[in-house]
mmCIF file of all heavy atoms, coordinates in Angstrom:
data_MODEL
# 
_entry.id   MODEL 
# 
loop_
_atom_site.group_PDB 
_atom_site.id 
_atom_site.type_symbol 
_atom_site.label_atom_id 
_atom_site.label_alt_id 
_atom_site.label_comp_id 
_atom_site.label_asym_id 
_atom_site.label_entity_id 
_atom_site.label_seq_id 
_atom_site.pdbx_PDB_ins_code 
_atom_site.Cartn_x 
_atom_site.Cartn_y 
_atom_site.Cartn_z 
_atom_site.occupancy 
_atom_site.B_iso_or_equiv 
_atom_site.pdbx_formal_charge 
_atom_site.auth_seq_id 
_atom_site.auth_comp_id 
_atom_site.auth_asym_id 
_atom_site.auth_atom_id 
_atom_site.pdbx_PDB_model_num 
ATOM 1   N N   . MET A 1 1  ? 69.315 -114.290 -26.638 1.00 0.00 ? 1  MET A N   1 
ATOM 2   C CA  . MET A 1 1  ? 68.830 -115.484 -26.070 1.00 0.00 ? 1  MET A CA  1 
ATOM 3   C C   . MET A 1 1  ? 69.897 -116.298 -25.399 1.00 0.00 ? 1  MET A C   1 
ATOM 4   O O   . MET A 1 1  ? 71.027 -116.351 -25.812 1.00 0.00 ? 1  MET A O   1 
ATOM 5   C CB  . MET A 1 1  ? 68.187 -116.325 -27.240 1.00 0.00 ? 1  MET A CB  1 
ATOM 6   C CG  . MET A 1 1  ? 67.583 -117.640 -26.754 1.00 0.00 ? 1  MET A CG  1 
ATOM 7   S SD  . MET A 1 1  ? 66.742 -118.603 -27.975 1.00 0.00 ? 1  MET A SD  1 
ATOM 8   C CE  . MET A 1 1  ? 65.942 -117.574 -29.024 1.00 0.00 ? 1  MET A CE  1 
ATOM 9   N N   . THR A 1 2  ? 69.441 -116.946 -24.315 1.00 0.00 ? 2  THR A N   1 
ATOM 10  C CA  . THR A 1 2  ? 70.378 -117.745 -23.607 1.00 0.00 ? 2  THR A CA  1 
ATOM 11  C C   . THR A 1 2  ? 69.766 -119.106 -23.624 1.00 0.00 ? 2  THR A C   1 
ATOM 12  O O   . THR A 1 2  ? 68.731 -119.371 -23.222 1.00 0.00 ? 2  THR A O   1 
ATOM 13  C CB  . THR A 1 2  ? 70.447 -117.267 -22.160 1.00 0.00 ? 2  THR A CB  1 
ATOM 14  O OG1 . THR A 1 2  ? 70.905 -116.070 -22.098 1.00 0.00 ? 2  THR A OG1 1 
ATOM 15  C CG2 . THR A 1 2  ? 71.430 -118.187 -21.298 1.00 0.00 ? 2  THR A CG2 1 
ATOM 16  N N   . PHE A 1 3  ? 70.621 -120.126 -24.036 1.00 0.00 ? 3  PHE A N   1 
ATOM 17  C CA  . PHE A 1 3  ? 70.222 -121.548 -23.998 1.00 0.00 ? 3  PHE A CA  1 
ATOM 18  C C   . PHE A 1 3  ? 70.667 -122.195 -22.768 1.00 0.00 ? 3  PHE A C   1 
ATOM 19  O O   . PHE A 1 3  ? 71.703 -121.918 -22.352 1.00 0.00 ? 3  PHE A O   1 
ATOM 20  C CB  . PHE A 1 3  ? 70.897 -122.199 -25.296 1.00 0.00 ? 3  PHE A CB  1 
ATOM 21  C CG  . PHE A 1 3  ? 70.283 -121.813 -26.558 1.00 0.00 ? 3  PHE A CG  1 
ATOM 22  C CD1 . PHE A 1 3  ? 71.021 -120.997 -27.432 1.00 0.00 ? 3  PHE A CD1 1 
ATOM 23  C CD2 . PHE A 1 3  ? 69.069 -122.176 -27.080 1.00 0.00 ? 3  PHE A CD2 1 
ATOM 24  C CE1 . PHE A 1 3  ? 70.579 -120.461 -28.573 1.00 0.00 ? 3  PHE A CE1 1 
ATOM 25  C CE2 . PHE A 1 3  ? 68.490 -121.648 -28.247 1.00 0.00 ? 3  PHE A CE2 1 
ATOM 26  C CZ  . PHE A 1 3  ? 69.282 -120.873 -29.031 1.00 0.00 ? 3  PHE A CZ  1 
ATOM 27  N N   . SER A 1 4  ? 69.740 -123.122 -22.242 1.00 0.00 ? 4  SER A N   1 
ATOM 28  C CA  . SER A 1 4  ? 70.097 -123.840 -21.016 1.00 0.00 ? 4  SER A CA  1 
ATOM 29  C C   . SER A 1 4  ? 69.756 -125.284 -21.299 1.00 0.00 ? 4  SER A C   1 
ATOM 30  O O   . SER A 1 4  ? 68.819 -125.655 -22.162 1.00 0.00 ? 4  SER A O   1 
ATOM 31  C CB  . SER A 1 4  ? 69.279 -123.405 -19.938 1.00 0.00 ? 4  SER A CB  1 
ATOM 32  O OG  . SER A 1 4  ? 69.611 -121.976 -19.564 1.00 0.00 ? 4  SER A OG  1 
ATOM 33  N N   . GLY A 1 5  ? 70.393 -126.289 -20.614 1.00 0.00 ? 5  GLY A N   1 
ATOM 34  C CA  . GLY A 1 5  ? 69.986 -127.646 -20.629 1.00 0.00 ? 5  GLY A CA  1 
ATOM 35  C C   . GLY A 1 5  ? 70.465 -128.195 -21.977 1.00 0.00 ? 5  GLY A C   1 
ATOM 36  O O   . GLY A 1 5  ? 71.476 -127.709 -22.549 1.00 0.00 ? 5  GLY A O   1 
ATOM 37  N N   . GLY A 1 6  ? 70.015 -129.366 -22.359 1.00 0.00 ? 6  GLY A N   1 
ATOM 38  C CA  . GLY A 1 6  ? 70.386 -130.088 -23.503 1.00 0.00 ? 6  GLY A CA  1 
ATOM 39  C C   . GLY A 1 6  ? 69.791 -129.621 -24.823 1.00 0.00 ? 6  GLY A C   1 
ATOM 40  O O   . GLY A 1 6  ? 68.645 -129.918 -25.056 1.00 0.00 ? 6  GLY A O   1 
ATOM 41  N N   . ILE A 1 7  ? 70.615 -128.972 -25.722 1.00 0.00 ? 7  ILE A N   1 
ATOM 42  C CA  . ILE A 1 7  ? 70.148 -128.537 -27.135 1.00 0.00 ? 7  ILE A CA  1 
ATOM 43  C C   . ILE A 1 7  ? 71.370 -128.918 -27.979 1.00 0.00 ? 7  ILE A C   1 
ATOM 44  O O   . ILE A 1 7  ? 72.490 -128.555 -27.721 1.00 0.00 ? 7  ILE A O   1 
ATOM 45  C CB  . ILE A 1 7  ? 69.921 -127.095 -27.190 1.00 0.00 ? 7  ILE A CB  1 
ATOM 46  C CG1 . ILE A 1 7  ? 68.827 -126.826 -26.195 1.00 0.00 ? 7  ILE A CG1 1 
ATOM 47  C CG2 . ILE A 1 7  ? 69.494 -126.734 -28.530 1.00 0.00 ? 7  ILE A CG2 1 
ATOM 48  C CD1 . ILE A 1 7  ? 68.505 -125.228 -26.012 1.00 0.00 ? 7  ILE A CD1 1 
ATOM 49  N N   . THR A 1 8  ? 71.157 -129.569 -29.093 1.00 0.00 ? 8  THR A N   1 
ATOM 50  C CA  . THR A 1 8  ? 72.108 -129.890 -30.103 1.00 0.00 ? 8  THR A CA  1 
ATOM 51  C C   . THR A 1 8  ? 71.890 -128.963 -31.263 1.00 0.00 ? 8  THR A C   1 
ATOM 52  O O   . THR A 1 8  ? 70.810 -128.989 -31.820 1.00 0.00 ? 8  THR A O   1 
ATOM 53  C CB  . THR A 1 8  ? 71.960 -131.379 -30.513 1.00 0.00 ? 8  THR A CB  1 
ATOM 54  O OG1 . THR A 1 8  ? 72.140 -132.287 -29.291 1.00 0.00 ? 8  THR A OG1 1 
ATOM 55  C CG2 . THR A 1 8  ? 73.069 -131.734 -31.553 1.00 0.00 ? 8  THR A CG2 1 
ATOM 56  N N   . HIS A 1 9  ? 72.854 -128.205 -31.605 1.00 0.00 ? 9  HIS A N   1 
ATOM 57  C CA  . HIS A 1 9  ? 72.796 -127.350 -32.761 1.00 0.00 ? 9  HIS A CA  1 
ATOM 58  C C   . HIS A 1 9  ? 73.522 -127.950 -33.989 1.00 0.00 ? 9  HIS A C   1 
ATOM 59  O O   . HIS A 1 9  ? 74.565 -128.603 -33.705 1.00 0.00 ? 9  HIS A O   1 
ATOM 60  C CB  . HIS A 1 9  ? 73.425 -126.021 -32.514 1.00 0.00 ? 9  HIS A CB  1 
ATOM 61  C CG  . HIS A 1 9  ? 72.676 -125.198 -31.412 1.00 0.00 ? 9  HIS A CG  1 
ATOM 62  N ND1 . HIS A 1 9  ? 71.812 -124.367 -31.620 1.00 0.00 ? 9  HIS A ND1 1 
ATOM 63  C CD2 . HIS A 1 9  ? 72.983 -125.239 -30.039 1.00 0.00 ? 9  HIS A CD2 1 
ATOM 64  C CE1 . HIS A 1 9  ? 71.412 -123.791 -30.500 1.00 0.00 ? 9  HIS A CE1 1 
ATOM 65  N NE2 . HIS A 1 9  ? 72.064 -124.381 -29.500 1.00 0.00 ? 9  HIS A NE2 1 
ATOM 66  N N   . SER A 1 10 ? 72.925 -127.989 -35.130 1.00 0.00 ? 10 SER A N   1 
ATOM 67  C CA  . SER A 1 10 ? 73.465 -128.601 -36.427 1.00 0.00 ? 10 SER A CA  1 
ATOM 68  C C   . SER A 1 10 ? 73.030 -127.840 -37.529 1.00 0.00 ? 10 SER A C   1 
ATOM 69  O O   . SER A 1 10 ? 72.324 -126.804 -37.422 1.00 0.00 ? 10 SER A O   1 
ATOM 70  C CB  . SER A 1 10 ? 72.921 -130.053 -36.439 1.00 0.00 ? 10 SER A CB  1 
ATOM 71  O OG  . SER A 1 10 ? 71.587 -130.137 -36.713 1.00 0.00 ? 10 SER A OG  1 
ATOM 72  N N   . SER A 1 11 ? 73.401 -128.297 -38.626 1.00 0.00 ? 11 SER A N   1 
ATOM 73  C CA  . SER A 1 11 ? 72.997 -127.631 -40.034 1.00 0.00 ? 11 SER A CA  1 
ATOM 74  C C   . SER A 1 11 ? 71.468 -127.706 -40.212 1.00 0.00 ? 11 SER A C   1 
ATOM 75  O O   . SER A 1 11 ? 71.008 -126.887 -41.143 1.00 0.00 ? 11 SER A O   1 
ATOM 76  C CB  . SER A 1 11 ? 73.869 -128.236 -41.147 1.00 0.00 ? 11 SER A CB  1 
ATOM 77  O OG  . SER A 1 11 ? 73.518 -129.639 -41.365 1.00 0.00 ? 11 SER A OG  1 
ATOM 78  N N   . THR A 1 12 ? 70.739 -128.514 -39.636 1.00 0.00 ? 12 THR A N   1 
ATOM 79  C CA  . THR A 1 12 ? 69.401 -128.668 -39.793 1.00 0.00 ? 12 THR A CA  1 
ATOM 80  C C   . THR A 1 12 ? 68.571 -127.841 -38.752 1.00 0.00 ? 12 THR A C   1 
ATOM 81  O O   . THR A 1 12 ? 67.376 -127.762 -38.978 1.00 0.00 ? 12 THR A O   1 
ATOM 82  C CB  . THR A 1 12 ? 68.978 -130.229 -39.807 1.00 0.00 ? 12 THR A CB  1 
ATOM 83  O OG1 . THR A 1 12 ? 69.263 -130.752 -38.570 1.00 0.00 ? 12 THR A OG1 1 
ATOM 84  C CG2 . THR A 1 12 ? 69.533 -130.861 -40.955 1.00 0.00 ? 12 THR A CG2 1 
ATOM 85  N N   . GLY A 1 13 ? 69.248 -127.437 -37.677 1.00 0.00 ? 13 GLY A N   1 
ATOM 86  C CA  . GLY A 1 13 ? 68.415 -126.557 -36.817 1.00 0.00 ? 13 GLY A CA  1 
ATOM 87  C C   . GLY A 1 13 ? 68.906 -126.840 -35.359 1.00 0.00 ? 13 GLY A C   1 
ATOM 88  O O   . GLY A 1 13 ? 70.166 -127.313 -35.148 1.00 0.00 ? 13 GLY A O   1 
ATOM 89  N N   . ALA A 1 14 ? 68.085 -126.527 -34.407 1.00 0.00 ? 14 ALA A N   1 
ATOM 90  C CA  . ALA A 1 14 ? 68.400 -126.741 -32.965 1.00 0.00 ? 14 ALA A CA  1 
ATOM 91  C C   . ALA A 1 14 ? 67.419 -127.856 -32.385 1.00 0.00 ? 14 ALA A C   1 
ATOM 92  O O   . ALA A 1 14 ? 66.235 -127.636 -32.562 1.00 0.00 ? 14 ALA A O   1 
ATOM 93  C CB  . ALA A 1 14 ? 68.178 -125.396 -32.181 1.00 0.00 ? 14 ALA A CB  1 
ATOM 94  N N   . LEU A 1 15 ? 67.968 -128.839 -31.767 1.00 0.00 ? 15 LEU A N   1 
ATOM 95  C CA  . LEU A 1 15 ? 67.118 -129.975 -31.366 1.00 0.00 ? 15 LEU A CA  1 
ATOM 96  C C   . LEU A 1 15 ? 67.300 -130.034 -29.865 1.00 0.00 ? 15 LEU A C   1 
ATOM 97  O O   . LEU A 1 15 ? 68.278 -130.362 -29.269 1.00 0.00 ? 15 LEU A O   1 
ATOM 98  C CB  . LEU A 1 15 ? 67.669 -131.238 -32.031 1.00 0.00 ? 15 LEU A CB  1 
ATOM 99  C CG  . LEU A 1 15 ? 66.983 -132.513 -31.444 1.00 0.00 ? 15 LEU A CG  1 
ATOM 100 C CD1 . LEU A 1 15 ? 65.576 -132.556 -32.018 1.00 0.00 ? 15 LEU A CD1 1 
ATOM 101 C CD2 . LEU A 1 15 ? 67.779 -133.822 -32.089 1.00 0.00 ? 15 LEU A CD2 1 
ATOM 102 N N   . PRO A 1 16 ? 66.186 -129.665 -29.131 1.00 0.00 ? 16 PRO A N   1 
ATOM 103 C CA  . PRO A 1 16 ? 66.145 -129.755 -27.622 1.00 0.00 ? 16 PRO A CA  1 
ATOM 104 C C   . PRO A 1 16 ? 65.987 -131.218 -27.288 1.00 0.00 ? 16 PRO A C   1 
ATOM 105 O O   . PRO A 1 16 ? 65.372 -131.945 -27.906 1.00 0.00 ? 16 PRO A O   1 
ATOM 106 C CB  . PRO A 1 16 ? 64.903 -128.874 -27.320 1.00 0.00 ? 16 PRO A CB  1 
ATOM 107 C CG  . PRO A 1 16 ? 64.045 -128.960 -28.531 1.00 0.00 ? 16 PRO A CG  1 
ATOM 108 C CD  . PRO A 1 16 ? 64.930 -129.158 -29.632 1.00 0.00 ? 16 PRO A CD  1 
ATOM 109 N N   . ASN A 1 17 ? 66.380 -131.525 -25.986 1.00 0.00 ? 17 ASN A N   1 
ATOM 110 C CA  . ASN A 1 17 ? 66.352 -132.843 -25.622 1.00 0.00 ? 17 ASN A CA  1 
ATOM 111 C C   . ASN A 1 17 ? 65.123 -133.337 -24.959 1.00 0.00 ? 17 ASN A C   1 
ATOM 112 O O   . ASN A 1 17 ? 64.901 -134.536 -24.653 1.00 0.00 ? 17 ASN A O   1 
ATOM 113 C CB  . ASN A 1 17 ? 67.493 -133.055 -24.593 1.00 0.00 ? 17 ASN A CB  1 
ATOM 114 C CG  . ASN A 1 17 ? 67.392 -132.407 -23.214 1.00 0.00 ? 17 ASN A CG  1 
ATOM 115 O OD1 . ASN A 1 17 ? 66.340 -131.732 -23.037 1.00 0.00 ? 17 ASN A OD1 1 
ATOM 116 N ND2 . ASN A 1 17 ? 68.480 -132.529 -22.382 1.00 0.00 ? 17 ASN A ND2 1 
ATOM 117 N N   . GLY A 1 18 ? 64.085 -132.439 -24.759 1.00 0.00 ? 18 GLY A N   1 
ATOM 118 C CA  . GLY A 1 18 ? 62.803 -132.787 -24.372 1.00 0.00 ? 18 GLY A CA  1 
ATOM 119 C C   . GLY A 1 18 ? 62.632 -132.878 -22.865 1.00 0.00 ? 18 GLY A C   1 
ATOM 120 O O   . GLY A 1 18 ? 61.633 -133.170 -22.320 1.00 0.00 ? 18 GLY A O   1 
ATOM 121 N N   . SER A 1 19 ? 63.698 -132.613 -22.087 1.00 0.00 ? 19 SER A N   1 
ATOM 122 C CA  . SER A 1 19 ? 63.640 -132.675 -20.665 1.00 0.00 ? 19 SER A CA  1 
ATOM 123 C C   . SER A 1 19 ? 64.218 -131.551 -19.975 1.00 0.00 ? 19 SER A C   1 
ATOM 124 O O   . SER A 1 19 ? 63.716 -131.229 -18.806 1.00 0.00 ? 19 SER A O   1 
ATOM 125 C CB  . SER A 1 19 ? 64.258 -133.925 -20.182 1.00 0.00 ? 19 SER A CB  1 
ATOM 126 O OG  . SER A 1 19 ? 65.642 -134.027 -20.558 1.00 0.00 ? 19 SER A OG  1 
ATOM 127 N N   . THR A 1 20 ? 65.277 -130.890 -20.478 1.00 0.00 ? 20 THR A N   1 
ATOM 128 C CA  . THR A 1 20 ? 65.971 -129.756 -19.828 1.00 0.00 ? 20 THR A CA  1 
ATOM 129 C C   . THR A 1 20 ? 66.317 -128.599 -20.782 1.00 0.00 ? 20 THR A C   1 
ATOM 130 O O   . THR A 1 20 ? 66.642 -127.469 -20.272 1.00 0.00 ? 20 THR A O   1 
ATOM 131 C CB  . THR A 1 20 ? 67.293 -130.226 -19.129 1.00 0.00 ? 20 THR A CB  1 
ATOM 132 O OG1 . THR A 1 20 ? 68.123 -130.740 -20.147 1.00 0.00 ? 20 THR A OG1 1 
ATOM 133 C CG2 . THR A 1 20 ? 66.938 -131.128 -18.111 1.00 0.00 ? 20 THR A CG2 1 
ATOM 134 N N   . GLY A 1 21 ? 66.179 -128.875 -22.014 1.00 0.00 ? 21 GLY A N   1 
ATOM 135 C CA  . GLY A 1 21 ? 66.676 -127.835 -23.074 1.00 0.00 ? 21 GLY A CA  1 
ATOM 136 C C   . GLY A 1 21 ? 65.716 -126.859 -23.456 1.00 0.00 ? 21 GLY A C   1 
ATOM 137 O O   . GLY A 1 21 ? 64.522 -127.160 -23.653 1.00 0.00 ? 21 GLY A O   1 
ATOM 138 N N   . TYR A 1 22 ? 66.088 -125.664 -23.283 1.00 0.00 ? 22 TYR A N   1 
ATOM 139 C CA  . TYR A 1 22 ? 65.198 -124.476 -23.610 1.00 0.00 ? 22 TYR A CA  1 
ATOM 140 C C   . TYR A 1 22 ? 65.991 -123.183 -23.923 1.00 0.00 ? 22 TYR A C   1 
ATOM 141 O O   . TYR A 1 22 ? 67.208 -123.140 -23.509 1.00 0.00 ? 22 TYR A O   1 
ATOM 142 C CB  . TYR A 1 22 ? 64.199 -124.181 -22.610 1.00 0.00 ? 22 TYR A CB  1 
ATOM 143 C CG  . TYR A 1 22 ? 64.645 -123.434 -21.419 1.00 0.00 ? 22 TYR A CG  1 
ATOM 144 C CD1 . TYR A 1 22 ? 64.417 -122.159 -21.229 1.00 0.00 ? 22 TYR A CD1 1 
ATOM 145 C CD2 . TYR A 1 22 ? 65.260 -124.184 -20.376 1.00 0.00 ? 22 TYR A CD2 1 
ATOM 146 C CE1 . TYR A 1 22 ? 64.853 -121.550 -20.140 1.00 0.00 ? 22 TYR A CE1 1 
ATOM 147 C CE2 . TYR A 1 22 ? 65.682 -123.595 -19.260 1.00 0.00 ? 22 TYR A CE2 1 
ATOM 148 C CZ  . TYR A 1 22 ? 65.465 -122.212 -19.047 1.00 0.00 ? 22 TYR A CZ  1 
ATOM 149 O OH  . TYR A 1 22 ? 65.947 -121.612 -17.974 1.00 0.00 ? 22 TYR A OH  1 
ATOM 150 N N   . GLY A 1 23 ? 65.348 -122.203 -24.616 1.00 0.00 ? 23 GLY A N   1 
ATOM 151 C CA  . GLY A 1 23 ? 66.005 -120.908 -24.839 1.00 0.00 ? 23 GLY A CA  1 
ATOM 152 C C   . GLY A 1 23 ? 65.197 -119.822 -24.036 1.00 0.00 ? 23 GLY A C   1 
ATOM 153 O O   . GLY A 1 23 ? 63.959 -119.685 -24.335 1.00 0.00 ? 23 GLY A O   1 
ATOM 154 N N   . LYS A 1 24 ? 65.860 -119.052 -23.404 1.00 0.00 ? 24 LYS A N   1 
ATOM 155 C CA  . LYS A 1 24 ? 65.222 -117.808 -22.729 1.00 0.00 ? 24 LYS A CA  1 
ATOM 156 C C   . LYS A 1 24 ? 65.343 -116.549 -23.655 1.00 0.00 ? 24 LYS A C   1 
ATOM 157 O O   . LYS A 1 24 ? 66.475 -116.193 -23.964 1.00 0.00 ? 24 LYS A O   1 
ATOM 158 C CB  . LYS A 1 24 ? 65.914 -117.586 -21.367 1.00 0.00 ? 24 LYS A CB  1 
ATOM 159 C CG  . LYS A 1 24 ? 65.164 -116.510 -20.514 1.00 0.00 ? 24 LYS A CG  1 
ATOM 160 C CD  . LYS A 1 24 ? 65.833 -116.459 -19.170 1.00 0.00 ? 24 LYS A CD  1 
ATOM 161 C CE  . LYS A 1 24 ? 65.218 -115.385 -18.314 1.00 0.00 ? 24 LYS A CE  1 
ATOM 162 N NZ  . LYS A 1 24 ? 65.849 -115.430 -16.966 1.00 0.00 ? 24 LYS A NZ  1 
ATOM 163 N N   . THR A 1 25 ? 64.349 -116.079 -24.166 1.00 0.00 ? 25 THR A N   1 
ATOM 164 C CA  . THR A 1 25 ? 64.419 -114.961 -25.183 1.00 0.00 ? 25 THR A CA  1 
ATOM 165 C C   . THR A 1 25 ? 64.726 -113.574 -24.472 1.00 0.00 ? 25 THR A C   1 
ATOM 166 O O   . THR A 1 25 ? 65.029 -112.638 -25.089 1.00 0.00 ? 25 THR A O   1 
ATOM 167 C CB  . THR A 1 25 ? 63.208 -114.877 -26.022 1.00 0.00 ? 25 THR A CB  1 
ATOM 168 O OG1 . THR A 1 25 ? 62.004 -114.454 -25.186 1.00 0.00 ? 25 THR A OG1 1 
ATOM 169 C CG2 . THR A 1 25 ? 62.933 -116.184 -26.651 1.00 0.00 ? 25 THR A CG2 1 
ATOM 170 N N   . PHE A 1 26 ? 64.317 -113.466 -23.231 1.00 0.00 ? 26 PHE A N   1 
ATOM 171 C CA  . PHE A 1 26 ? 64.212 -112.142 -22.590 1.00 0.00 ? 26 PHE A CA  1 
ATOM 172 C C   . PHE A 1 26 ? 63.254 -111.189 -23.061 1.00 0.00 ? 26 PHE A C   1 
ATOM 173 O O   . PHE A 1 26 ? 63.257 -109.995 -22.744 1.00 0.00 ? 26 PHE A O   1 
ATOM 174 C CB  . PHE A 1 26 ? 65.709 -111.475 -22.586 1.00 0.00 ? 26 PHE A CB  1 
ATOM 175 C CG  . PHE A 1 26 ? 66.662 -112.322 -21.851 1.00 0.00 ? 26 PHE A CG  1 
ATOM 176 C CD1 . PHE A 1 26 ? 67.412 -113.218 -22.517 1.00 0.00 ? 26 PHE A CD1 1 
ATOM 177 C CD2 . PHE A 1 26 ? 66.796 -112.288 -20.498 1.00 0.00 ? 26 PHE A CD2 1 
ATOM 178 C CE1 . PHE A 1 26 ? 68.420 -114.007 -21.832 1.00 0.00 ? 26 PHE A CE1 1 
ATOM 179 C CE2 . PHE A 1 26 ? 67.732 -112.984 -19.851 1.00 0.00 ? 26 PHE A CE2 1 
ATOM 180 C CZ  . PHE A 1 26 ? 68.603 -113.886 -20.447 1.00 0.00 ? 26 PHE A CZ  1 
# 
């Protein structure tokens, strides 16, 4: 998977920013 845009990774999971963040699974 390739992540693009705004995503914050933490101990609780991955938090996308709601405007540019996403993951491309291929």
